[in-house]
Amino acid sequence: MRGCRHQDTLTLARQGDRISDTEPISLAALVGQCWSAVETDDAAIEIVDEMTFEGDPGRVRHVFENLFRNAVEHGGAGVTVRVGSHEKNGLYLEDDGAGIPVGKREHVLEPGHSSARGGTGFGLTIVRRIVEAHGWELSITGGIDGGARFEIGMDDQDNLI
């Protein structure tokens, strides 16, 4: 745990650096790479629609791997995770798990917050810092099936291809 927390602290420090070099990223290809890199047990993944956007591939992979881990860890056995584009010029990732209570949604993004046994509490903080380093916005709402929904707003039209 201590080594993991140390590594997460170093990652957290690096991920807030402003993104300058980007390249086109296929959402479907990204999801496939990240889903296979995470222990998903009996969870299922659905790609609702495809899109291509500009970003730092390494850091965006880190975002999706952390969000997938979070969904599987907190969503329960057999959780389904859906990923797609949304009408607000960006993308979303949602699950059909228990969700995050409205009053705790901002709190889960704070460094050190973890409700998981053995968690470091840096995963969602890293996600937020990477998203913000791209100039994007992260919001948490409820999913269509009651789980958590993370929306990444890419207001800059240049991010979408």
N, C-alpha and C. Protein backbone atom coordinates (compact mmCIF):
# COMPACT_ATOMS: atom_id res chain seq x y z
N MET A 1 0.82 -1.19 0.00
CA MET A 1 0.00 0.00 0.00
C MET A 1 0.86 1.26 0.00
N ARG A 2 1.92 1.25 0.81
CA ARG A 2 2.75 2.44 0.89
C ARG A 2 3.41 2.74 -0.45
N GLY A 3 3.95 1.71 -1.13
CA GLY A 3 4.57 1.91 -2.43
C GLY A 3 3.56 2.40 -3.45
N CYS A 4 2.37 1.87 -3.40
CA CYS A 4 1.31 2.27 -4.31
C CYS A 4 0.92 3.73 -4.07
N ARG A 5 0.81 4.12 -2.82
CA ARG A 5 0.46 5.51 -2.48
C ARG A 5 1.56 6.46 -2.95
N HIS A 6 2.83 6.05 -2.79
CA HIS A 6 3.95 6.87 -3.24
C HIS A 6 3.90 7.04 -4.75
N GLN A 7 3.67 5.95 -5.48
CA GLN A 7 3.58 6.02 -6.94
C GLN A 7 2.43 6.91 -7.37
N ASP A 8 1.27 6.78 -6.71
CA ASP A 8 0.12 7.62 -7.04
C ASP A 8 0.41 9.09 -6.77
N THR A 9 1.16 9.39 -5.73
CA THR A 9 1.53 10.77 -5.42
C THR A 9 2.40 11.34 -6.52
N LEU A 10 3.36 10.57 -7.01
CA LEU A 10 4.22 11.01 -8.11
C LEU A 10 3.41 11.22 -9.38
N THR A 11 2.51 10.29 -9.67
CA THR A 11 1.66 10.41 -10.85
C THR A 11 0.80 11.66 -10.74
N LEU A 12 0.23 11.89 -9.58
CA LEU A 12 -0.61 13.06 -9.36
C LEU A 12 0.17 14.34 -9.63
N ALA A 13 1.39 14.41 -9.19
CA ALA A 13 2.21 15.60 -9.39
C ALA A 13 2.49 15.84 -10.87
N ARG A 14 2.70 14.78 -11.64
CA ARG A 14 3.03 14.91 -13.06
C ARG A 14 1.81 15.22 -13.92
N GLN A 15 0.65 14.70 -13.58
CA GLN A 15 -0.49 14.75 -14.48
C GLN A 15 -1.15 16.11 -14.61
N GLY A 16 -0.84 17.04 -13.73
CA GLY A 16 -1.44 18.36 -13.82
C GLY A 16 -0.75 19.29 -14.80
N ASP A 17 0.39 18.86 -15.36
CA ASP A 17 1.11 19.70 -16.32
C ASP A 17 0.24 19.93 -17.56
N ARG A 18 0.23 21.15 -18.04
CA ARG A 18 -0.58 21.52 -19.21
C ARG A 18 -0.18 20.67 -20.41
N ILE A 19 -1.17 20.23 -21.17
CA ILE A 19 -0.96 19.41 -22.36
C ILE A 19 -0.62 20.32 -23.53
N SER A 20 0.46 19.99 -24.25
CA SER A 20 0.80 20.79 -25.41
C SER A 20 0.82 19.96 -26.69
N ASP A 21 1.26 18.71 -26.60
CA ASP A 21 1.31 17.85 -27.78
C ASP A 21 0.14 16.87 -27.75
N THR A 22 -0.70 16.95 -28.77
CA THR A 22 -1.85 16.06 -28.85
C THR A 22 -1.86 15.34 -30.18
N GLU A 23 -2.67 14.31 -30.25
CA GLU A 23 -2.88 13.60 -31.51
C GLU A 23 -4.29 13.02 -31.52
N PRO A 24 -4.78 12.64 -32.69
CA PRO A 24 -6.13 12.08 -32.76
C PRO A 24 -6.23 10.77 -31.97
N ILE A 25 -7.32 10.63 -31.22
CA ILE A 25 -7.57 9.43 -30.43
C ILE A 25 -8.95 8.89 -30.79
N SER A 26 -8.99 7.64 -31.19
CA SER A 26 -10.26 6.95 -31.45
C SER A 26 -10.82 6.47 -30.12
N LEU A 27 -12.05 6.86 -29.79
CA LEU A 27 -12.65 6.44 -28.53
C LEU A 27 -12.75 4.92 -28.45
N ALA A 28 -13.18 4.26 -29.52
CA ALA A 28 -13.33 2.80 -29.50
C ALA A 28 -12.00 2.10 -29.27
N ALA A 29 -10.95 2.54 -29.94
CA ALA A 29 -9.63 1.92 -29.76
C ALA A 29 -9.11 2.17 -28.35
N LEU A 30 -9.29 3.39 -27.85
CA LEU A 30 -8.87 3.74 -26.50
C LEU A 30 -9.57 2.86 -25.47
N VAL A 31 -10.88 2.72 -25.59
CA VAL A 31 -11.65 1.91 -24.65
C VAL A 31 -11.17 0.47 -24.67
N GLY A 32 -10.93 -0.07 -25.86
CA GLY A 32 -10.44 -1.45 -25.97
C GLY A 32 -9.11 -1.65 -25.26
N GLN A 33 -8.17 -0.74 -25.47
CA GLN A 33 -6.85 -0.82 -24.82
C GLN A 33 -6.97 -0.73 -23.31
N CYS A 34 -7.74 0.23 -22.85
CA CYS A 34 -7.83 0.48 -21.40
C CYS A 34 -8.61 -0.62 -20.69
N TRP A 35 -9.68 -1.10 -21.30
CA TRP A 35 -10.49 -2.15 -20.67
C TRP A 35 -9.66 -3.42 -20.50
N SER A 36 -8.84 -3.74 -21.50
CA SER A 36 -8.02 -4.96 -21.41
C SER A 36 -6.88 -4.80 -20.41
N ALA A 37 -6.52 -3.58 -20.06
CA ALA A 37 -5.43 -3.34 -19.11
C ALA A 37 -5.88 -3.35 -17.66
N VAL A 38 -7.20 -3.39 -17.43
CA VAL A 38 -7.76 -3.31 -16.08
C VAL A 38 -8.41 -4.64 -15.72
N GLU A 39 -8.26 -5.04 -14.47
CA GLU A 39 -8.93 -6.25 -13.99
C GLU A 39 -10.42 -5.95 -13.87
N THR A 40 -11.22 -6.59 -14.74
CA THR A 40 -12.64 -6.24 -14.84
C THR A 40 -13.59 -7.32 -14.33
N ASP A 41 -13.07 -8.44 -13.87
CA ASP A 41 -13.90 -9.53 -13.33
C ASP A 41 -15.06 -9.84 -14.27
N ASP A 42 -16.29 -9.76 -13.78
CA ASP A 42 -17.47 -10.09 -14.60
C ASP A 42 -18.14 -8.85 -15.18
N ALA A 43 -17.46 -7.73 -15.16
CA ALA A 43 -18.02 -6.48 -15.68
C ALA A 43 -18.10 -6.54 -17.21
N ALA A 44 -18.98 -5.72 -17.76
CA ALA A 44 -19.15 -5.65 -19.22
C ALA A 44 -18.92 -4.21 -19.66
N ILE A 45 -18.45 -4.06 -20.90
CA ILE A 45 -18.22 -2.74 -21.47
C ILE A 45 -19.09 -2.58 -22.72
N GLU A 46 -19.68 -1.41 -22.90
CA GLU A 46 -20.47 -1.09 -24.09
C GLU A 46 -19.96 0.24 -24.64
N ILE A 47 -19.64 0.24 -25.92
CA ILE A 47 -19.28 1.49 -26.59
C ILE A 47 -20.53 1.93 -27.34
N VAL A 48 -21.15 3.00 -26.87
CA VAL A 48 -22.43 3.44 -27.41
C VAL A 48 -22.26 4.06 -28.78
N ASP A 49 -21.27 4.89 -28.95
CA ASP A 49 -20.97 5.45 -30.26
C ASP A 49 -19.49 5.82 -30.33
N GLU A 50 -19.01 5.94 -31.54
CA GLU A 50 -17.59 6.21 -31.78
C GLU A 50 -17.39 7.70 -32.00
N MET A 51 -16.24 8.16 -31.62
CA MET A 51 -15.83 9.52 -31.91
C MET A 51 -14.31 9.56 -31.93
N THR A 52 -13.76 10.58 -32.52
CA THR A 52 -12.32 10.81 -32.51
C THR A 52 -12.10 12.22 -31.96
N PHE A 53 -11.12 12.35 -31.10
CA PHE A 53 -10.84 13.64 -30.48
C PHE A 53 -9.34 13.79 -30.32
N GLU A 54 -8.89 15.02 -30.08
CA GLU A 54 -7.47 15.33 -29.88
C GLU A 54 -7.13 15.27 -28.40
N GLY A 55 -6.02 14.62 -28.06
CA GLY A 55 -5.58 14.56 -26.68
C GLY A 55 -4.21 13.92 -26.59
N ASP A 56 -3.67 13.89 -25.40
CA ASP A 56 -2.42 13.21 -25.11
C ASP A 56 -2.77 11.75 -24.84
N PRO A 57 -2.42 10.83 -25.76
CA PRO A 57 -2.87 9.44 -25.63
C PRO A 57 -2.49 8.77 -24.31
N GLY A 58 -1.27 8.98 -23.83
CA GLY A 58 -0.84 8.35 -22.58
C GLY A 58 -1.65 8.83 -21.39
N ARG A 59 -1.88 10.12 -21.34
CA ARG A 59 -2.64 10.65 -20.20
C ARG A 59 -4.12 10.30 -20.29
N VAL A 60 -4.66 10.30 -21.49
CA VAL A 60 -6.08 9.94 -21.64
C VAL A 60 -6.28 8.46 -21.30
N ARG A 61 -5.31 7.61 -21.63
CA ARG A 61 -5.39 6.20 -21.21
C ARG A 61 -5.45 6.11 -19.69
N HIS A 62 -4.65 6.92 -19.03
CA HIS A 62 -4.64 6.94 -17.57
C HIS A 62 -6.03 7.31 -17.02
N VAL A 63 -6.68 8.28 -17.66
CA VAL A 63 -8.04 8.68 -17.26
C VAL A 63 -8.99 7.49 -17.35
N PHE A 64 -9.00 6.84 -18.50
CA PHE A 64 -9.95 5.75 -18.70
C PHE A 64 -9.65 4.53 -17.83
N GLU A 65 -8.38 4.21 -17.66
CA GLU A 65 -8.05 3.08 -16.78
C GLU A 65 -8.50 3.36 -15.35
N ASN A 66 -8.29 4.58 -14.86
CA ASN A 66 -8.74 4.92 -13.51
C ASN A 66 -10.26 4.89 -13.40
N LEU A 67 -10.96 5.42 -14.39
CA LEU A 67 -12.42 5.41 -14.34
C LEU A 67 -12.97 3.98 -14.44
N PHE A 68 -12.34 3.14 -15.27
CA PHE A 68 -12.78 1.74 -15.35
C PHE A 68 -12.56 1.02 -14.03
N ARG A 69 -11.38 1.20 -13.43
CA ARG A 69 -11.10 0.58 -12.13
C ARG A 69 -12.13 1.02 -11.09
N ASN A 70 -12.42 2.30 -11.08
CA ASN A 70 -13.38 2.84 -10.13
C ASN A 70 -14.77 2.23 -10.34
N ALA A 71 -15.20 2.13 -11.59
CA ALA A 71 -16.52 1.57 -11.89
C ALA A 71 -16.62 0.11 -11.46
N VAL A 72 -15.59 -0.67 -11.76
CA VAL A 72 -15.59 -2.09 -11.42
C VAL A 72 -15.51 -2.28 -9.91
N GLU A 73 -14.67 -1.48 -9.26
CA GLU A 73 -14.48 -1.60 -7.82
C GLU A 73 -15.73 -1.21 -7.03
N HIS A 74 -16.40 -0.17 -7.48
CA HIS A 74 -17.55 0.35 -6.72
C HIS A 74 -18.90 -0.07 -7.30
N GLY A 75 -18.90 -0.58 -8.53
CA GLY A 75 -20.17 -0.92 -9.18
C GLY A 75 -20.72 -2.27 -8.81
N GLY A 76 -19.92 -3.12 -8.23
CA GLY A 76 -20.39 -4.44 -7.85
C GLY A 76 -20.20 -5.46 -8.95
N ALA A 77 -20.44 -6.72 -8.60
CA ALA A 77 -20.26 -7.82 -9.56
C ALA A 77 -21.21 -7.63 -10.75
N GLY A 78 -20.68 -7.83 -11.93
CA GLY A 78 -21.49 -7.77 -13.13
C GLY A 78 -21.89 -6.38 -13.58
N VAL A 79 -21.20 -5.34 -13.10
CA VAL A 79 -21.52 -3.98 -13.50
C VAL A 79 -21.30 -3.82 -15.01
N THR A 80 -22.13 -3.01 -15.63
CA THR A 80 -21.95 -2.67 -17.04
C THR A 80 -21.49 -1.22 -17.13
N VAL A 81 -20.46 -1.00 -17.92
CA VAL A 81 -19.90 0.34 -18.12
C VAL A 81 -20.17 0.74 -19.57
N ARG A 82 -20.72 1.93 -19.76
CA ARG A 82 -21.02 2.46 -21.09
C ARG A 82 -20.17 3.70 -21.35
N VAL A 83 -19.70 3.82 -22.59
CA VAL A 83 -18.87 4.95 -22.99
C VAL A 83 -19.40 5.47 -24.32
N GLY A 84 -19.45 6.78 -24.46
CA GLY A 84 -19.89 7.36 -25.72
C GLY A 84 -19.72 8.86 -25.74
N SER A 85 -20.18 9.48 -26.82
CA SER A 85 -20.13 10.94 -26.93
C SER A 85 -21.42 11.50 -26.35
N HIS A 86 -21.37 12.75 -25.91
CA HIS A 86 -22.60 13.37 -25.41
C HIS A 86 -22.83 14.71 -26.09
N GLU A 87 -24.05 15.18 -25.96
CA GLU A 87 -24.50 16.38 -26.68
C GLU A 87 -23.77 17.66 -26.27
N LYS A 88 -23.05 17.63 -25.18
CA LYS A 88 -22.35 18.83 -24.71
C LYS A 88 -20.92 18.90 -25.26
N ASN A 89 -20.70 18.31 -26.42
CA ASN A 89 -19.39 18.39 -27.06
C ASN A 89 -18.31 17.71 -26.23
N GLY A 90 -18.45 16.43 -26.01
CA GLY A 90 -17.47 15.69 -25.24
C GLY A 90 -17.83 14.23 -25.18
N LEU A 91 -17.42 13.57 -24.11
CA LEU A 91 -17.68 12.15 -23.96
C LEU A 91 -18.10 11.83 -22.54
N TYR A 92 -18.62 10.64 -22.35
CA TYR A 92 -19.03 10.22 -21.01
C TYR A 92 -18.65 8.77 -20.78
N LEU A 93 -18.59 8.43 -19.51
CA LEU A 93 -18.40 7.05 -19.05
C LEU A 93 -19.37 6.89 -17.89
N GLU A 94 -20.26 5.90 -17.98
CA GLU A 94 -21.21 5.68 -16.90
C GLU A 94 -21.33 4.20 -16.61
N ASP A 95 -21.79 3.89 -15.40
CA ASP A 95 -22.00 2.50 -15.03
C ASP A 95 -23.39 2.35 -14.45
N ASP A 96 -23.79 1.10 -14.25
CA ASP A 96 -25.12 0.83 -13.68
C ASP A 96 -25.01 0.35 -12.23
N GLY A 97 -23.95 0.76 -11.56
CA GLY A 97 -23.75 0.39 -10.16
C GLY A 97 -24.57 1.26 -9.22
N ALA A 98 -24.08 1.40 -8.00
CA ALA A 98 -24.82 2.13 -6.96
C ALA A 98 -24.79 3.64 -7.14
N GLY A 99 -23.83 4.16 -7.87
CA GLY A 99 -23.74 5.60 -8.08
C GLY A 99 -23.04 6.31 -6.94
N ILE A 100 -22.92 7.62 -7.07
CA ILE A 100 -22.29 8.47 -6.05
C ILE A 100 -23.35 9.46 -5.58
N PRO A 101 -23.64 9.49 -4.28
CA PRO A 101 -24.65 10.43 -3.78
C PRO A 101 -24.30 11.87 -4.17
N VAL A 102 -25.32 12.66 -4.47
CA VAL A 102 -25.12 14.04 -4.93
C VAL A 102 -24.19 14.82 -4.01
N GLY A 103 -24.35 14.71 -2.71
CA GLY A 103 -23.54 15.46 -1.77
C GLY A 103 -22.09 15.04 -1.69
N LYS A 104 -21.75 13.91 -2.29
CA LYS A 104 -20.37 13.41 -2.23
C LYS A 104 -19.63 13.51 -3.57
N ARG A 105 -20.31 13.96 -4.60
CA ARG A 105 -19.71 13.95 -5.95
C ARG A 105 -18.45 14.80 -6.05
N GLU A 106 -18.45 15.99 -5.53
CA GLU A 106 -17.24 16.83 -5.58
C GLU A 106 -16.17 16.30 -4.63
N HIS A 107 -16.60 15.75 -3.51
CA HIS A 107 -15.66 15.24 -2.50
C HIS A 107 -14.82 14.08 -3.03
N VAL A 108 -15.38 13.23 -3.90
CA VAL A 108 -14.63 12.07 -4.39
C VAL A 108 -13.46 12.48 -5.28
N LEU A 109 -13.44 13.73 -5.73
CA LEU A 109 -12.35 14.21 -6.58
C LEU A 109 -11.19 14.79 -5.77
N GLU A 110 -11.35 14.88 -4.46
CA GLU A 110 -10.32 15.45 -3.60
C GLU A 110 -9.20 14.44 -3.34
N PRO A 111 -7.95 14.91 -3.26
CA PRO A 111 -6.83 14.01 -2.98
C PRO A 111 -7.01 13.28 -1.65
N GLY A 112 -6.76 11.99 -1.68
CA GLY A 112 -6.81 11.18 -0.46
C GLY A 112 -8.17 10.61 -0.14
N HIS A 113 -9.21 10.99 -0.89
CA HIS A 113 -10.54 10.44 -0.61
C HIS A 113 -10.66 9.04 -1.20
N SER A 114 -11.00 8.08 -0.38
CA SER A 114 -11.23 6.72 -0.86
C SER A 114 -12.25 6.04 0.03
N SER A 115 -13.20 5.38 -0.61
CA SER A 115 -14.16 4.57 0.14
C SER A 115 -13.84 3.09 -0.04
N ALA A 116 -12.78 2.81 -0.79
CA ALA A 116 -12.39 1.43 -1.05
C ALA A 116 -11.32 0.98 -0.06
N ARG A 117 -11.47 -0.22 0.39
CA ARG A 117 -10.46 -0.79 1.28
C ARG A 117 -9.14 -0.93 0.51
N GLY A 118 -8.10 -0.34 1.04
CA GLY A 118 -6.80 -0.42 0.39
C GLY A 118 -6.59 0.61 -0.71
N GLY A 119 -7.58 1.47 -0.96
CA GLY A 119 -7.44 2.49 -1.99
C GLY A 119 -6.54 3.63 -1.53
N THR A 120 -5.92 4.30 -2.49
CA THR A 120 -5.03 5.42 -2.14
C THR A 120 -5.77 6.75 -2.12
N GLY A 121 -6.90 6.82 -2.79
CA GLY A 121 -7.64 8.07 -2.83
C GLY A 121 -7.12 9.08 -3.83
N PHE A 122 -6.30 8.63 -4.78
CA PHE A 122 -5.76 9.55 -5.78
C PHE A 122 -6.30 9.31 -7.19
N GLY A 123 -6.96 8.20 -7.43
CA GLY A 123 -7.41 7.85 -8.78
C GLY A 123 -8.26 8.91 -9.44
N LEU A 124 -9.33 9.35 -8.78
CA LEU A 124 -10.22 10.34 -9.39
C LEU A 124 -9.61 11.73 -9.37
N THR A 125 -8.72 12.00 -8.43
CA THR A 125 -8.00 13.28 -8.43
C THR A 125 -7.09 13.35 -9.65
N ILE A 126 -6.42 12.26 -9.96
CA ILE A 126 -5.57 12.19 -11.15
C ILE A 126 -6.42 12.39 -12.40
N VAL A 127 -7.58 11.74 -12.45
CA VAL A 127 -8.49 11.90 -13.58
C VAL A 127 -8.81 13.38 -13.77
N ARG A 128 -9.23 14.05 -12.70
CA ARG A 128 -9.59 15.47 -12.80
C ARG A 128 -8.41 16.31 -13.29
N ARG A 129 -7.23 16.07 -12.76
CA ARG A 129 -6.06 16.88 -13.15
C ARG A 129 -5.70 16.68 -14.62
N ILE A 130 -5.80 15.46 -15.11
CA ILE A 130 -5.50 15.21 -16.52
C ILE A 130 -6.54 15.89 -17.40
N VAL A 131 -7.80 15.76 -17.04
CA VAL A 131 -8.88 16.40 -17.80
C VAL A 131 -8.64 17.92 -17.85
N GLU A 132 -8.37 18.52 -16.71
CA GLU A 132 -8.14 19.97 -16.65
C GLU A 132 -6.87 20.38 -17.40
N ALA A 133 -5.85 19.53 -17.40
CA ALA A 133 -4.61 19.84 -18.13
C ALA A 133 -4.85 19.91 -19.63
N HIS A 134 -5.89 19.21 -20.10
CA HIS A 134 -6.28 19.28 -21.51
C HIS A 134 -7.13 20.52 -21.80
N GLY A 135 -7.54 21.23 -20.75
CA GLY A 135 -8.44 22.36 -20.93
C GLY A 135 -9.90 21.93 -20.98
N TRP A 136 -10.18 20.70 -20.56
CA TRP A 136 -11.54 20.16 -20.55
C TRP A 136 -12.14 20.32 -19.16
N GLU A 137 -13.41 19.94 -19.03
CA GLU A 137 -14.11 19.99 -17.75
C GLU A 137 -14.64 18.61 -17.39
N LEU A 138 -14.55 18.26 -16.11
CA LEU A 138 -15.06 16.98 -15.61
C LEU A 138 -16.26 17.24 -14.72
N SER A 139 -17.33 16.52 -14.96
CA SER A 139 -18.50 16.61 -14.08
C SER A 139 -18.99 15.21 -13.76
N ILE A 140 -19.62 15.08 -12.60
CA ILE A 140 -20.17 13.80 -12.16
C ILE A 140 -21.67 13.98 -11.98
N THR A 141 -22.42 13.08 -12.59
CA THR A 141 -23.87 13.08 -12.45
C THR A 141 -24.31 11.64 -12.20
N GLY A 142 -25.60 11.41 -12.27
CA GLY A 142 -26.13 10.06 -12.18
C GLY A 142 -26.28 9.46 -13.56
N GLY A 143 -26.00 8.16 -13.69
CA GLY A 143 -26.15 7.47 -14.95
C GLY A 143 -27.62 7.15 -15.24
N ILE A 144 -27.93 6.75 -16.45
CA ILE A 144 -29.32 6.47 -16.82
C ILE A 144 -29.89 5.28 -16.06
N ASP A 145 -29.03 4.39 -15.59
CA ASP A 145 -29.48 3.23 -14.81
C ASP A 145 -29.17 3.38 -13.33
N GLY A 146 -28.91 4.61 -12.87
CA GLY A 146 -28.70 4.86 -11.46
C GLY A 146 -27.26 4.87 -10.99
N GLY A 147 -26.33 4.48 -11.82
CA GLY A 147 -24.93 4.46 -11.42
C GLY A 147 -24.29 5.83 -11.53
N ALA A 148 -22.98 5.86 -11.55
CA ALA A 148 -22.22 7.11 -11.68
C ALA A 148 -21.99 7.40 -13.15
N ARG A 149 -22.00 8.69 -13.49
CA ARG A 149 -21.70 9.13 -14.86
C ARG A 149 -20.67 10.24 -14.78
N PHE A 150 -19.55 10.03 -15.46
CA PHE A 150 -18.49 11.02 -15.55
C PHE A 150 -18.54 11.61 -16.96
N GLU A 151 -18.73 12.93 -17.04
CA GLU A 151 -18.77 13.60 -18.33
C GLU A 151 -17.53 14.47 -18.48
N ILE A 152 -16.91 14.37 -19.65
CA ILE A 152 -15.75 15.19 -19.98
C ILE A 152 -16.18 16.14 -21.08
N GLY A 153 -16.29 17.41 -20.72
CA GLY A 153 -16.70 18.43 -21.67
C GLY A 153 -15.50 19.00 -22.40
N MET A 154 -15.57 18.96 -23.72
CA MET A 154 -14.50 19.47 -24.57
C MET A 154 -15.07 20.65 -25.35
N ASP A 155 -15.28 21.77 -24.68
CA ASP A 155 -15.95 22.91 -25.30
C ASP A 155 -15.25 23.42 -26.53
N ASP A 156 -13.96 23.23 -26.61
CA ASP A 156 -13.19 23.68 -27.77
C ASP A 156 -13.48 22.73 -28.93
N GLN A 157 -14.14 23.22 -29.96
CA GLN A 157 -14.49 22.40 -31.12
C GLN A 157 -13.27 21.76 -31.77
N ASP A 158 -12.09 22.35 -31.58
CA ASP A 158 -10.88 21.80 -32.18
C ASP A 158 -10.51 20.44 -31.61
N ASN A 159 -11.05 20.08 -30.43
CA ASN A 159 -10.73 18.78 -29.83
C ASN A 159 -11.43 17.63 -30.54
N LEU A 160 -12.57 17.91 -31.16
CA LEU A 160 -13.33 16.85 -31.82
C LEU A 160 -12.98 16.81 -33.29
N ILE A 161 -12.85 15.60 -33.79
CA ILE A 161 -12.46 15.43 -35.19
C ILE A 161 -13.60 14.74 -35.92
